[in-house]
Amino acid sequence: MYFVYILKSLRDNKLYVGYSNNPKKRLALHNQGRITITKHRKPFELIYLEGFRNQQDATTREKFYKTGWGRTHLKKILKNYLNQPDD
């Protein structure tokens, strides 16, 4: 299976969208600073995971979440989580 994942940076509170067939390992790589695009925004927490049976469907969904409409959709899905006060 392939998964689209949403990470929240605990440094700047911004979201990052990606996909992987091993999201637990991928999260560890992000938090270790081994992913170039996100190494200055760590640490991250996983806030959303969506599974797909094939890679093409996962990449299509990832690309959608990176569009304006996709970001709006994510904000609706995660509305209650994103509106919680930080601890």
Protein backbone atom coordinates (compact mmCIF):
# COMPACT_ATOMS: atom_id res chain seq x y z
CA MET A 1 0.00 0.00 0.00
CA TYR A 2 0.94 3.64 -0.51
CA PHE A 3 -0.01 6.44 1.80
CA VAL A 4 -0.48 10.17 1.44
CA TYR A 5 0.59 11.80 4.67
CA ILE A 6 0.25 15.25 6.14
CA LEU A 7 2.89 16.47 8.55
CA LYS A 8 2.70 19.54 10.75
CA SER A 9 5.94 21.33 11.52
CA LEU A 10 6.22 22.00 15.23
CA ARG A 11 8.62 24.84 14.41
CA ASP A 12 6.44 26.94 12.07
CA ASN A 13 3.03 25.15 12.27
CA LYS A 14 2.93 24.76 8.48
CA LEU A 15 1.77 21.59 6.77
CA TYR A 16 3.77 19.32 4.47
CA VAL A 17 2.17 16.82 2.09
CA GLY A 18 3.97 13.72 0.85
CA TYR A 19 3.46 10.06 -0.02
CA SER A 20 5.27 6.87 0.89
CA ASN A 21 4.82 3.12 1.14
CA ASN A 22 6.27 3.35 4.67
CA PRO A 23 4.99 6.53 6.38
CA LYS A 24 6.50 5.65 9.77
CA LYS A 25 9.98 5.43 8.27
CA ARG A 26 9.39 8.54 6.17
CA LEU A 27 8.37 10.54 9.26
CA ALA A 28 11.59 9.42 10.96
CA LEU A 29 13.61 10.61 7.94
CA HIS A 30 11.88 14.01 8.04
CA ASN A 31 12.58 14.34 11.77
CA GLN A 32 16.22 13.30 11.33
CA GLY A 33 16.68 16.10 8.78
CA ARG A 34 17.44 13.66 5.97
CA ILE A 35 14.77 15.10 3.64
CA THR A 36 16.31 18.21 2.08
CA ILE A 37 13.10 20.16 1.49
CA THR A 38 11.98 19.89 5.14
CA LYS A 39 15.21 19.70 7.13
CA HIS A 40 14.94 23.32 8.35
CA ARG A 41 11.34 22.86 9.56
CA LYS A 42 11.73 19.85 11.87
CA PRO A 43 10.43 18.43 14.13
CA PHE A 44 7.21 17.15 12.58
CA GLU A 45 4.16 15.31 13.78
CA LEU A 46 1.97 13.12 11.58
CA ILE A 47 -1.56 14.54 11.57
CA TYR A 48 -3.25 12.74 8.63
CA LEU A 49 -2.79 9.51 6.69
CA GLU A 50 -4.73 8.22 3.69
CA GLY A 51 -4.09 4.78 2.13
CA PHE A 52 -4.16 3.66 -1.52
CA ARG A 53 -3.64 0.31 -3.21
CA ASN A 54 -1.37 1.67 -5.93
CA GLN A 55 1.24 4.38 -6.29
CA GLN A 56 -0.50 6.27 -9.09
CA ASP A 57 -3.60 6.92 -6.98
CA ALA A 58 -1.44 8.09 -4.07
CA THR A 59 0.60 10.49 -6.22
CA THR A 60 -2.58 11.86 -7.80
CA ARG A 61 -4.01 12.57 -4.35
CA GLU A 62 -0.73 14.09 -3.14
CA LYS A 63 -0.67 16.45 -6.14
CA PHE A 64 -4.29 17.43 -5.46
CA TYR A 65 -3.49 18.29 -1.83
CA LYS A 66 -0.70 20.55 -3.05
CA THR A 67 -3.12 22.68 -5.10
CA GLY A 68 -5.21 25.57 -3.80
CA TRP A 69 -8.38 23.47 -3.86
CA GLY A 70 -6.57 20.62 -2.18
CA ARG A 71 -5.32 22.85 0.64
CA THR A 72 -8.85 24.16 1.12
CA HIS A 73 -10.15 20.57 1.25
CA LEU A 74 -7.50 19.65 3.84
CA LYS A 75 -8.45 22.62 5.99
CA LYS A 76 -12.07 21.39 5.94
CA ILE A 77 -11.09 17.80 6.80
CA LEU A 78 -8.76 18.90 9.60
CA LYS A 79 -10.84 21.87 10.77
CA ASN A 80 -11.23 20.73 14.38
CA TYR A 81 -7.59 19.69 14.71
CA LEU A 82 -6.23 22.90 13.17
CA ASN A 83 -8.45 25.08 15.38
CA GLN A 84 -7.26 23.50 18.64
CA PRO A 85 -5.11 25.72 20.82
CA ASP A 86 -1.48 24.64 21.00
CA ASP A 87 -0.47 22.94 24.24
